[in-house]
């Protein structure tokens, strides 16, 4: 959860939400979209939003990071 930007929490995994309903789901996805975090975990399922712009998410540095994350907790990602 990231509240450092002063806005609503940006939740990485929807399974950590105590109560999940349509309103909370949409608020969470909107907050992540505005933070340019287009991937959201939902247990074994990954929710992806189309940003309608190119984001620096698929470079070789990102691939390497997700191939061997070590002990780091990484943002949800297609890799």
N, C-alpha and C. Protein backbone atom coordinates (compact mmCIF):
# COMPACT_ATOMS: atom_id res chain seq x y z
N UNK A 1 0.86 -1.18 0.00
CA UNK A 1 0.00 0.00 0.00
C UNK A 1 0.89 1.23 0.00
N UNK A 2 0.60 2.15 -0.88
CA UNK A 2 1.42 3.35 -1.03
C UNK A 2 0.57 4.59 -0.85
N UNK A 3 0.73 5.26 0.28
CA UNK A 3 -0.01 6.49 0.53
C UNK A 3 0.91 7.70 0.49
N UNK A 4 2.13 7.52 -0.01
CA UNK A 4 3.13 8.59 0.02
C UNK A 4 2.78 9.75 -0.89
N UNK A 5 1.89 9.56 -1.84
CA UNK A 5 1.54 10.64 -2.77
C UNK A 5 0.37 11.47 -2.26
N UNK A 6 -0.13 11.16 -1.06
CA UNK A 6 -1.18 11.97 -0.48
C UNK A 6 -2.58 11.60 -0.94
N UNK A 7 -2.69 10.69 -1.88
CA UNK A 7 -3.99 10.28 -2.39
C UNK A 7 -4.42 8.97 -1.77
N UNK A 8 -5.41 8.33 -2.39
CA UNK A 8 -5.87 7.06 -1.86
C UNK A 8 -4.78 6.00 -1.95
N UNK A 9 -4.91 5.00 -1.13
CA UNK A 9 -3.94 3.91 -1.14
C UNK A 9 -3.91 3.23 -2.50
N UNK A 10 -2.74 2.83 -2.92
CA UNK A 10 -2.58 2.09 -4.16
C UNK A 10 -2.27 0.66 -3.76
N UNK A 11 -3.26 -0.20 -3.86
CA UNK A 11 -3.17 -1.58 -3.40
C UNK A 11 -2.66 -2.46 -4.53
N UNK A 12 -1.62 -3.25 -4.26
CA UNK A 12 -1.05 -4.13 -5.28
C UNK A 12 -1.87 -5.40 -5.48
N UNK A 13 -2.44 -5.94 -4.40
CA UNK A 13 -3.13 -7.22 -4.46
C UNK A 13 -4.52 -7.09 -3.83
N UNK A 14 -5.54 -7.30 -4.62
CA UNK A 14 -6.92 -7.14 -4.15
C UNK A 14 -7.31 -8.16 -3.09
N UNK A 15 -6.55 -9.25 -2.96
CA UNK A 15 -6.88 -10.24 -1.93
C UNK A 15 -6.54 -9.73 -0.53
N UNK A 16 -5.83 -8.61 -0.45
CA UNK A 16 -5.50 -8.04 0.86
C UNK A 16 -6.57 -7.09 1.37
N UNK A 17 -7.58 -6.83 0.56
CA UNK A 17 -8.67 -5.93 0.95
C UNK A 17 -9.67 -6.70 1.80
N UNK A 18 -10.05 -6.13 2.95
CA UNK A 18 -11.00 -6.82 3.84
C UNK A 18 -12.36 -7.01 3.19
N UNK A 19 -12.88 -5.96 2.59
CA UNK A 19 -14.19 -6.02 1.92
C UNK A 19 -13.97 -5.55 0.48
N UNK A 20 -14.30 -6.42 -0.45
CA UNK A 20 -14.14 -6.07 -1.86
C UNK A 20 -15.50 -6.08 -2.53
N UNK A 21 -15.90 -4.90 -2.97
CA UNK A 21 -17.15 -4.78 -3.72
C UNK A 21 -16.86 -3.99 -4.99
N UNK A 22 -17.85 -3.77 -5.80
CA UNK A 22 -17.64 -3.10 -7.08
C UNK A 22 -17.03 -1.71 -6.90
N UNK A 23 -17.52 -0.96 -5.93
CA UNK A 23 -17.03 0.40 -5.70
C UNK A 23 -15.55 0.40 -5.32
N UNK A 24 -15.18 -0.46 -4.39
CA UNK A 24 -13.78 -0.53 -3.96
C UNK A 24 -12.89 -1.01 -5.09
N UNK A 25 -13.37 -1.99 -5.86
CA UNK A 25 -12.60 -2.49 -7.00
C UNK A 25 -12.33 -1.37 -7.99
N UNK A 26 -13.37 -0.61 -8.35
CA UNK A 26 -13.20 0.47 -9.32
C UNK A 26 -12.32 1.59 -8.78
N UNK A 27 -12.46 1.94 -7.50
CA UNK A 27 -11.61 2.97 -6.89
C UNK A 27 -10.15 2.54 -6.89
N UNK A 28 -9.92 1.27 -6.57
CA UNK A 28 -8.55 0.75 -6.54
C UNK A 28 -7.94 0.76 -7.92
N UNK A 29 -8.68 0.28 -8.91
CA UNK A 29 -8.15 0.25 -10.27
C UNK A 29 -7.91 1.66 -10.81
N UNK A 30 -8.80 2.60 -10.47
CA UNK A 30 -8.60 3.98 -10.91
C UNK A 30 -7.35 4.59 -10.26
N UNK A 31 -7.16 4.35 -8.96
CA UNK A 31 -5.97 4.88 -8.27
C UNK A 31 -4.70 4.29 -8.88
N UNK A 32 -4.71 3.00 -9.19
CA UNK A 32 -3.53 2.38 -9.80
C UNK A 32 -3.31 2.93 -11.21
N UNK A 33 -4.38 3.14 -11.97
CA UNK A 33 -4.26 3.69 -13.32
C UNK A 33 -3.64 5.08 -13.28
N UNK A 34 -4.14 5.91 -12.36
CA UNK A 34 -3.60 7.28 -12.23
C UNK A 34 -2.13 7.27 -11.80
N UNK A 35 -1.73 6.25 -11.04
CA UNK A 35 -0.34 6.12 -10.60
C UNK A 35 0.51 5.41 -11.67
N UNK A 36 -0.10 5.14 -12.84
CA UNK A 36 0.57 4.47 -13.96
C UNK A 36 1.02 3.06 -13.60
N UNK A 37 0.24 2.41 -12.75
CA UNK A 37 0.46 1.01 -12.38
C UNK A 37 -0.69 0.21 -13.00
N UNK A 38 -0.46 -0.29 -14.20
CA UNK A 38 -1.57 -0.87 -14.96
C UNK A 38 -1.85 -2.32 -14.61
N UNK A 39 -0.99 -2.96 -13.81
CA UNK A 39 -1.19 -4.35 -13.42
C UNK A 39 -1.58 -4.42 -11.95
N UNK A 40 -2.61 -5.22 -11.65
CA UNK A 40 -3.08 -5.40 -10.28
C UNK A 40 -3.29 -6.90 -10.05
N UNK A 41 -2.73 -7.41 -8.96
CA UNK A 41 -2.92 -8.82 -8.61
C UNK A 41 -4.29 -9.01 -7.98
N UNK A 42 -4.87 -10.16 -8.28
CA UNK A 42 -6.12 -10.58 -7.64
C UNK A 42 -6.00 -12.08 -7.42
N UNK A 43 -5.19 -12.45 -6.42
CA UNK A 43 -4.90 -13.86 -6.21
C UNK A 43 -4.12 -14.39 -7.40
N UNK A 44 -4.58 -15.50 -8.00
CA UNK A 44 -3.86 -16.08 -9.14
C UNK A 44 -4.12 -15.35 -10.46
N UNK A 45 -4.99 -14.35 -10.44
CA UNK A 45 -5.35 -13.62 -11.66
C UNK A 45 -4.70 -12.23 -11.66
N UNK A 46 -4.26 -11.80 -12.82
CA UNK A 46 -3.67 -10.47 -12.99
C UNK A 46 -4.64 -9.61 -13.79
N UNK A 47 -4.99 -8.45 -13.26
CA UNK A 47 -5.85 -7.51 -13.96
C UNK A 47 -4.95 -6.50 -14.65
N UNK A 48 -5.15 -6.31 -15.95
CA UNK A 48 -4.35 -5.36 -16.72
C UNK A 48 -5.26 -4.30 -17.32
N UNK A 49 -4.88 -3.03 -17.18
CA UNK A 49 -5.62 -1.91 -17.76
C UNK A 49 -4.80 -1.34 -18.91
N UNK A 50 -5.46 -1.00 -19.99
CA UNK A 50 -4.79 -0.42 -21.15
C UNK A 50 -4.54 1.06 -20.87
N UNK A 51 -3.26 1.49 -20.81
CA UNK A 51 -2.96 2.89 -20.51
C UNK A 51 -3.11 3.82 -21.72
N UNK A 52 -3.28 3.26 -22.90
CA UNK A 52 -3.39 4.04 -24.14
C UNK A 52 -2.18 4.94 -24.36
N UNK A 53 -1.06 4.50 -23.85
CA UNK A 53 0.22 5.17 -24.09
C UNK A 53 1.32 4.16 -23.82
N UNK A 54 2.50 4.44 -24.32
CA UNK A 54 3.62 3.54 -24.10
C UNK A 54 4.24 3.83 -22.74
N UNK A 55 4.40 2.79 -21.94
CA UNK A 55 5.01 2.92 -20.63
C UNK A 55 6.32 2.13 -20.60
N UNK A 56 7.30 2.56 -19.81
CA UNK A 56 8.59 1.86 -19.75
C UNK A 56 8.50 0.60 -18.88
N UNK A 57 7.69 -0.36 -19.31
CA UNK A 57 7.46 -1.55 -18.50
C UNK A 57 8.06 -2.82 -19.09
N UNK A 58 8.56 -2.75 -20.30
CA UNK A 58 8.93 -3.98 -20.99
C UNK A 58 10.37 -4.02 -21.47
N UNK A 59 11.23 -3.17 -20.93
CA UNK A 59 12.63 -3.17 -21.32
C UNK A 59 13.38 -4.36 -20.75
N UNK A 60 14.58 -4.58 -21.25
CA UNK A 60 15.38 -5.72 -20.79
C UNK A 60 15.68 -5.64 -19.30
N UNK A 61 15.80 -4.41 -18.76
CA UNK A 61 16.04 -4.27 -17.32
C UNK A 61 14.85 -4.78 -16.51
N UNK A 62 13.63 -4.53 -17.00
CA UNK A 62 12.43 -5.03 -16.32
C UNK A 62 12.35 -6.55 -16.40
N UNK A 63 12.67 -7.10 -17.57
CA UNK A 63 12.65 -8.56 -17.73
C UNK A 63 13.61 -9.20 -16.74
N UNK A 64 14.83 -8.69 -16.66
CA UNK A 64 15.83 -9.23 -15.75
C UNK A 64 15.38 -9.12 -14.29
N UNK A 65 14.79 -8.00 -13.94
CA UNK A 65 14.32 -7.78 -12.57
C UNK A 65 13.30 -8.83 -12.16
N UNK A 66 12.37 -9.14 -13.06
CA UNK A 66 11.31 -10.09 -12.74
C UNK A 66 11.73 -11.54 -12.92
N UNK A 67 12.78 -11.80 -13.71
CA UNK A 67 13.27 -13.17 -13.84
C UNK A 67 13.93 -13.64 -12.55
N UNK A 68 14.59 -12.73 -11.85
CA UNK A 68 15.27 -13.08 -10.60
C UNK A 68 15.01 -12.00 -9.56
N UNK A 69 13.81 -12.01 -8.95
CA UNK A 69 13.49 -10.95 -7.99
C UNK A 69 14.22 -11.08 -6.66
N UNK A 70 14.81 -12.25 -6.39
CA UNK A 70 15.48 -12.42 -5.10
C UNK A 70 14.47 -12.28 -3.99
N UNK A 71 14.81 -11.51 -2.98
CA UNK A 71 13.92 -11.32 -1.84
C UNK A 71 13.10 -10.03 -1.97
N UNK A 72 13.22 -9.34 -3.11
CA UNK A 72 12.49 -8.08 -3.29
C UNK A 72 11.01 -8.33 -3.53
N UNK A 73 10.16 -7.47 -2.98
CA UNK A 73 8.73 -7.48 -3.25
C UNK A 73 8.51 -6.56 -4.44
N UNK A 74 8.12 -7.12 -5.57
CA UNK A 74 7.98 -6.35 -6.79
C UNK A 74 6.52 -6.01 -7.06
N UNK A 75 6.30 -4.95 -7.81
CA UNK A 75 4.96 -4.56 -8.25
C UNK A 75 4.38 -5.66 -9.14
N UNK A 76 3.06 -5.81 -9.16
CA UNK A 76 2.46 -6.77 -10.10
C UNK A 76 2.89 -6.44 -11.52
N UNK A 77 3.16 -7.48 -12.31
CA UNK A 77 3.64 -7.28 -13.67
C UNK A 77 3.33 -8.52 -14.49
N UNK A 78 3.24 -8.36 -15.78
CA UNK A 78 2.95 -9.48 -16.67
C UNK A 78 4.05 -10.53 -16.64
N UNK A 79 5.27 -10.14 -16.28
CA UNK A 79 6.37 -11.11 -16.23
C UNK A 79 6.25 -11.94 -14.98
